[in-house]
């Protein structure tokens, strides 16, 4: 029989809002990327086919910005939970601020800016750190490298693994996401009824059932909830 719930397991599900306070732009806010760039021109397989130079330029700029950013108090607080709990961070973000803050178990759903992969169908990712990708940069099998990012129209990564963690977690904290990007947002409905579930964000389209909604910036509320959990208390 599979475990019903593990009260020592915490899942942290994060979106762009958790990194916004580190200076990384979100996508759908008033100053978000999609107010300046067209999704169809920089974030789809068709965009890559039609104008790979523009796609590379977009992600090279984002990679440079992410590399200069520093983790904020929310990232560090999330990492501190590992002192007492089995913590899994499931993130829609493509930066590495969770890792740099000290989180050791991070599942990326939408890819990673610090990696590239082949365009030949080989899904193996190669670490490029903060380096730009240019036309003519090839993987070991001789194919052009592309950003290791899930574009619109592509399947998200690590779905089943992330889902299993959510189903077992005794505590779930959702931070900095409007929950309007599917199928990632739909995962949260699979949380156990008895789990302590909290949603921390400034704006949300539709709250998942059973989550306590706290309208707040990540750096203001995440440390508070983390402190309660480290003391063995419920989120609120």
Protein backbone atom coordinates (compact mmCIF):
# COMPACT_ATOMS: atom_id res chain seq x y z
CA UNK A 1 0.00 0.00 0.00
CA UNK A 2 1.40 3.44 -0.93
CA UNK A 3 1.76 6.03 1.79
CA UNK A 4 -1.30 8.23 2.11
CA UNK A 5 0.47 11.34 3.40
CA UNK A 6 3.92 12.21 4.72
CA UNK A 7 3.89 15.00 7.29
CA UNK A 8 7.67 15.27 7.08
CA UNK A 9 7.48 16.09 3.35
CA UNK A 10 7.05 19.71 2.27
CA UNK A 11 6.42 20.76 -1.32
CA UNK A 12 7.15 24.35 -2.28
CA UNK A 13 5.58 25.28 -5.63
CA UNK A 14 6.95 28.55 -7.01
CA UNK A 15 6.30 30.89 -9.89
CA UNK A 16 7.76 34.11 -11.23
CA UNK A 17 6.70 36.17 -8.21
CA UNK A 18 9.25 34.52 -5.92
CA UNK A 19 12.10 35.80 -8.14
CA UNK A 20 10.55 39.17 -9.00
CA UNK A 21 11.93 40.65 -5.79
CA UNK A 22 15.39 39.62 -6.96
CA UNK A 23 14.98 41.79 -10.05
CA UNK A 24 13.86 39.14 -12.53
CA UNK A 25 10.86 40.28 -14.56
CA UNK A 26 7.68 38.27 -14.55
CA UNK A 27 5.73 37.46 -17.70
CA UNK A 28 2.15 38.62 -17.29
CA UNK A 29 2.36 41.61 -14.97
CA UNK A 30 2.10 45.17 -16.30
CA UNK A 31 5.87 45.25 -16.84
CA UNK A 32 6.16 41.58 -17.74
CA UNK A 33 7.98 40.11 -20.71
CA UNK A 34 4.81 39.40 -22.68
CA UNK A 35 3.95 43.11 -22.70
CA UNK A 36 7.14 43.74 -24.69
CA UNK A 37 7.66 40.51 -26.65
CA UNK A 38 5.32 38.33 -28.67
CA UNK A 39 5.09 34.74 -27.47
CA UNK A 40 4.76 33.63 -31.09
CA UNK A 41 8.04 35.31 -32.00
CA UNK A 42 10.32 34.11 -29.19
CA UNK A 43 8.75 31.25 -27.24
CA UNK A 44 7.40 28.58 -29.59
CA UNK A 45 8.93 25.83 -31.75
CA UNK A 46 7.67 27.76 -34.77
CA UNK A 47 9.54 30.88 -33.61
CA UNK A 48 12.73 28.83 -33.39
CA UNK A 49 12.21 27.47 -36.89
CA UNK A 50 11.46 30.88 -38.41
CA UNK A 51 13.96 33.08 -36.58
CA UNK A 52 16.36 31.24 -34.26
CA UNK A 53 18.56 34.32 -33.92
CA UNK A 54 15.71 36.27 -32.30
CA UNK A 55 14.90 33.39 -29.95
CA UNK A 56 18.53 33.03 -28.88
CA UNK A 57 18.84 36.78 -28.33
CA UNK A 58 15.75 36.78 -26.08
CA UNK A 59 16.99 33.92 -23.91
CA UNK A 60 20.60 35.10 -23.87
CA UNK A 61 19.41 38.39 -22.39
CA UNK A 62 17.26 36.63 -19.82
CA UNK A 63 20.15 34.34 -18.88
CA UNK A 64 22.45 37.30 -18.35
CA UNK A 65 19.91 39.01 -16.09
CA UNK A 66 19.27 35.82 -14.09
CA UNK A 67 22.98 35.27 -13.54
CA UNK A 68 23.36 38.75 -12.06
CA UNK A 69 20.35 38.35 -9.77
CA UNK A 70 20.75 37.19 -6.17
CA UNK A 71 18.43 34.96 -4.12
CA UNK A 72 16.13 36.88 -1.81
CA UNK A 73 14.81 36.18 1.68
CA UNK A 74 12.03 33.95 0.35
CA UNK A 75 14.53 31.70 -1.44
CA UNK A 76 16.74 31.47 1.66
CA UNK A 77 13.79 30.77 3.95
CA UNK A 78 12.59 27.94 1.72
CA UNK A 79 16.06 26.41 1.79
CA UNK A 80 16.11 26.65 5.61
CA UNK A 81 13.19 24.21 5.83
CA UNK A 82 15.64 21.42 4.96
CA UNK A 83 16.99 21.69 8.53
CA UNK A 84 13.92 19.78 9.69
CA UNK A 85 11.95 18.47 6.71
CA UNK A 86 12.19 16.59 3.45
CA UNK A 87 11.69 19.54 1.09
CA UNK A 88 10.94 19.40 -2.62
CA UNK A 89 10.87 22.65 -4.58
CA UNK A 90 8.76 22.43 -7.73
CA UNK A 91 9.26 25.55 -9.80
CA UNK A 92 7.88 27.06 -12.97
CA UNK A 93 10.90 29.38 -12.97
CA UNK A 94 13.90 28.83 -15.21
CA UNK A 95 16.45 30.65 -13.05
CA UNK A 96 18.66 28.89 -10.48
CA UNK A 97 17.98 31.12 -7.48
CA UNK A 98 16.53 28.26 -5.42
CA UNK A 99 19.69 26.23 -5.93
CA UNK A 100 21.94 29.18 -5.14
CA UNK A 101 19.98 29.83 -1.94
CA UNK A 102 20.71 26.28 -0.79
CA UNK A 103 17.71 24.17 -1.83
CA UNK A 104 19.01 20.74 -2.73
CA UNK A 105 15.92 19.14 -4.31
CA UNK A 106 14.59 21.37 -7.10
CA UNK A 107 12.32 20.13 -9.88
CA UNK A 108 12.09 22.44 -12.89
CA UNK A 109 8.85 22.16 -14.88
CA UNK A 110 9.67 24.68 -17.61
CA UNK A 111 13.39 24.12 -18.11
CA UNK A 112 16.54 25.94 -17.03
CA UNK A 113 18.28 29.00 -18.46
CA UNK A 114 21.67 27.65 -17.40
CA UNK A 115 21.36 24.66 -19.71
CA UNK A 116 21.10 24.02 -23.45
CA UNK A 117 19.99 20.98 -25.41
CA UNK A 118 20.23 19.56 -28.88
CA UNK A 119 17.75 20.33 -31.66
CA UNK A 120 18.08 16.77 -33.01
CA UNK A 121 15.57 15.22 -30.61
CA UNK A 122 18.15 14.31 -27.98
CA UNK A 123 16.69 15.58 -24.70
CA UNK A 124 20.02 15.53 -22.86
CA UNK A 125 20.77 18.92 -21.32
CA UNK A 126 24.21 20.49 -21.20
CA UNK A 127 25.28 23.02 -18.58
CA UNK A 128 26.28 26.36 -20.10
CA UNK A 129 26.13 28.41 -16.88
CA UNK A 130 25.88 32.07 -17.90
CA UNK A 131 27.22 31.71 -21.41
CA UNK A 132 25.27 32.82 -24.46
CA UNK A 133 24.13 30.39 -27.15
CA UNK A 134 24.96 31.39 -30.72
CA UNK A 135 24.12 30.00 -34.13
CA UNK A 136 26.84 27.44 -34.81
CA UNK A 137 27.13 26.24 -31.21
CA UNK A 138 26.73 22.49 -31.49
CA UNK A 139 26.11 19.63 -29.08
CA UNK A 140 28.44 16.58 -29.16
CA UNK A 141 26.33 14.90 -31.85
CA UNK A 142 26.78 17.89 -34.16
CA UNK A 143 23.34 19.49 -33.85
CA UNK A 144 22.61 23.13 -33.08
CA UNK A 145 22.07 23.90 -29.40
CA UNK A 146 18.84 25.54 -28.27
CA UNK A 147 17.76 26.87 -24.86
CA UNK A 148 16.72 24.14 -22.43
CA UNK A 149 13.34 25.81 -22.04
CA UNK A 150 9.81 24.47 -22.44
CA UNK A 151 8.21 26.59 -25.13
CA UNK A 152 4.49 27.05 -25.66
CA UNK A 153 3.20 23.93 -27.38
CA UNK A 154 5.80 21.65 -25.76
CA UNK A 155 5.25 19.22 -22.87
CA UNK A 156 6.36 20.35 -19.44
CA UNK A 157 9.20 18.45 -17.81
CA UNK A 158 9.20 16.16 -14.76
CA UNK A 159 5.39 16.11 -14.55
CA UNK A 160 4.92 12.65 -13.03
CA UNK A 161 7.71 13.08 -10.50
CA UNK A 162 6.34 16.41 -9.34
CA UNK A 163 2.80 15.03 -9.13
CA UNK A 164 3.85 12.19 -6.86
CA UNK A 165 5.51 14.58 -4.42
CA UNK A 166 2.38 16.76 -4.29
CA UNK A 167 0.16 13.74 -3.62
CA UNK A 168 2.27 12.68 -0.62
CA UNK A 169 3.16 16.04 0.94
CA UNK A 170 1.88 16.90 4.39
CA UNK A 171 2.57 20.60 3.80
CA UNK A 172 2.39 22.57 0.56
CA UNK A 173 3.34 26.22 0.04
CA UNK A 174 2.53 27.85 -3.29
CA UNK A 175 4.44 31.10 -3.84
CA UNK A 176 4.38 33.83 -6.48
CA UNK A 177 2.18 32.34 -9.17
CA UNK A 178 -1.18 33.39 -10.60
CA UNK A 179 -1.93 29.72 -11.37
CA UNK A 180 -3.03 30.36 -14.94
CA UNK A 181 -0.40 28.24 -16.72
CA UNK A 182 -1.52 24.67 -17.29
CA UNK A 183 -0.96 21.81 -16.84
CA UNK A 184 1.40 22.90 -14.05
CA UNK A 185 -1.27 24.78 -12.08
CA UNK A 186 -3.61 21.78 -12.21
CA UNK A 187 -1.13 19.67 -10.22
CA UNK A 188 -2.04 21.43 -6.99
CA UNK A 189 -5.54 19.96 -7.04
CA UNK A 190 -3.96 16.58 -6.30
CA UNK A 191 -2.83 17.61 -2.81
CA UNK A 192 -4.23 15.62 0.10
CA UNK A 193 -7.24 17.03 1.90
CA UNK A 194 -5.46 16.81 5.28
CA UNK A 195 -2.30 18.58 4.09
CA UNK A 196 -1.52 22.06 5.41
CA UNK A 197 -1.83 24.11 2.22
CA UNK A 198 -1.05 27.81 1.80
CA UNK A 199 -0.98 30.10 -1.25
CA UNK A 200 1.17 33.25 -1.08
CA UNK A 201 0.92 35.63 -4.01
CA UNK A 202 -0.18 39.15 -4.86
CA UNK A 203 -2.67 38.07 -7.49
CA UNK A 204 -4.28 34.77 -8.40
CA UNK A 205 -6.79 33.89 -11.11
CA UNK A 206 -8.44 30.98 -9.35
CA UNK A 207 -7.60 29.59 -5.94
CA UNK A 208 -7.27 25.82 -5.71
CA UNK A 209 -9.73 24.34 -3.23
CA UNK A 210 -8.47 23.94 0.33
CA UNK A 211 -5.56 26.42 0.13
CA UNK A 212 -5.37 29.28 2.61
CA UNK A 213 -4.79 32.39 0.50
CA UNK A 214 -2.41 35.03 1.86
CA UNK A 215 -2.14 38.08 -0.41
CA UNK A 216 1.46 39.13 0.09
CA UNK A 217 4.90 39.52 -1.42
CA UNK A 218 7.04 36.42 -1.11
CA UNK A 219 9.72 38.06 1.04
CA UNK A 220 7.12 39.28 3.53
CA UNK A 221 5.12 36.11 4.14
CA UNK A 222 7.33 33.14 3.24
CA UNK A 223 9.75 33.67 6.18
CA UNK A 224 6.76 33.91 8.55
CA UNK A 225 5.27 30.59 7.37
CA UNK A 226 8.68 28.92 7.36
CA UNK A 227 9.26 29.99 10.96
CA UNK A 228 5.92 28.48 12.00
CA UNK A 229 6.63 25.22 10.21
CA UNK A 230 10.11 24.94 11.74
CA UNK A 231 8.40 25.22 15.15
CA UNK A 232 6.02 22.43 14.18
CA UNK A 233 3.01 24.76 13.90
CA UNK A 234 0.42 24.96 11.14
CA UNK A 235 0.79 27.70 8.55
CA UNK A 236 -1.91 29.88 10.12
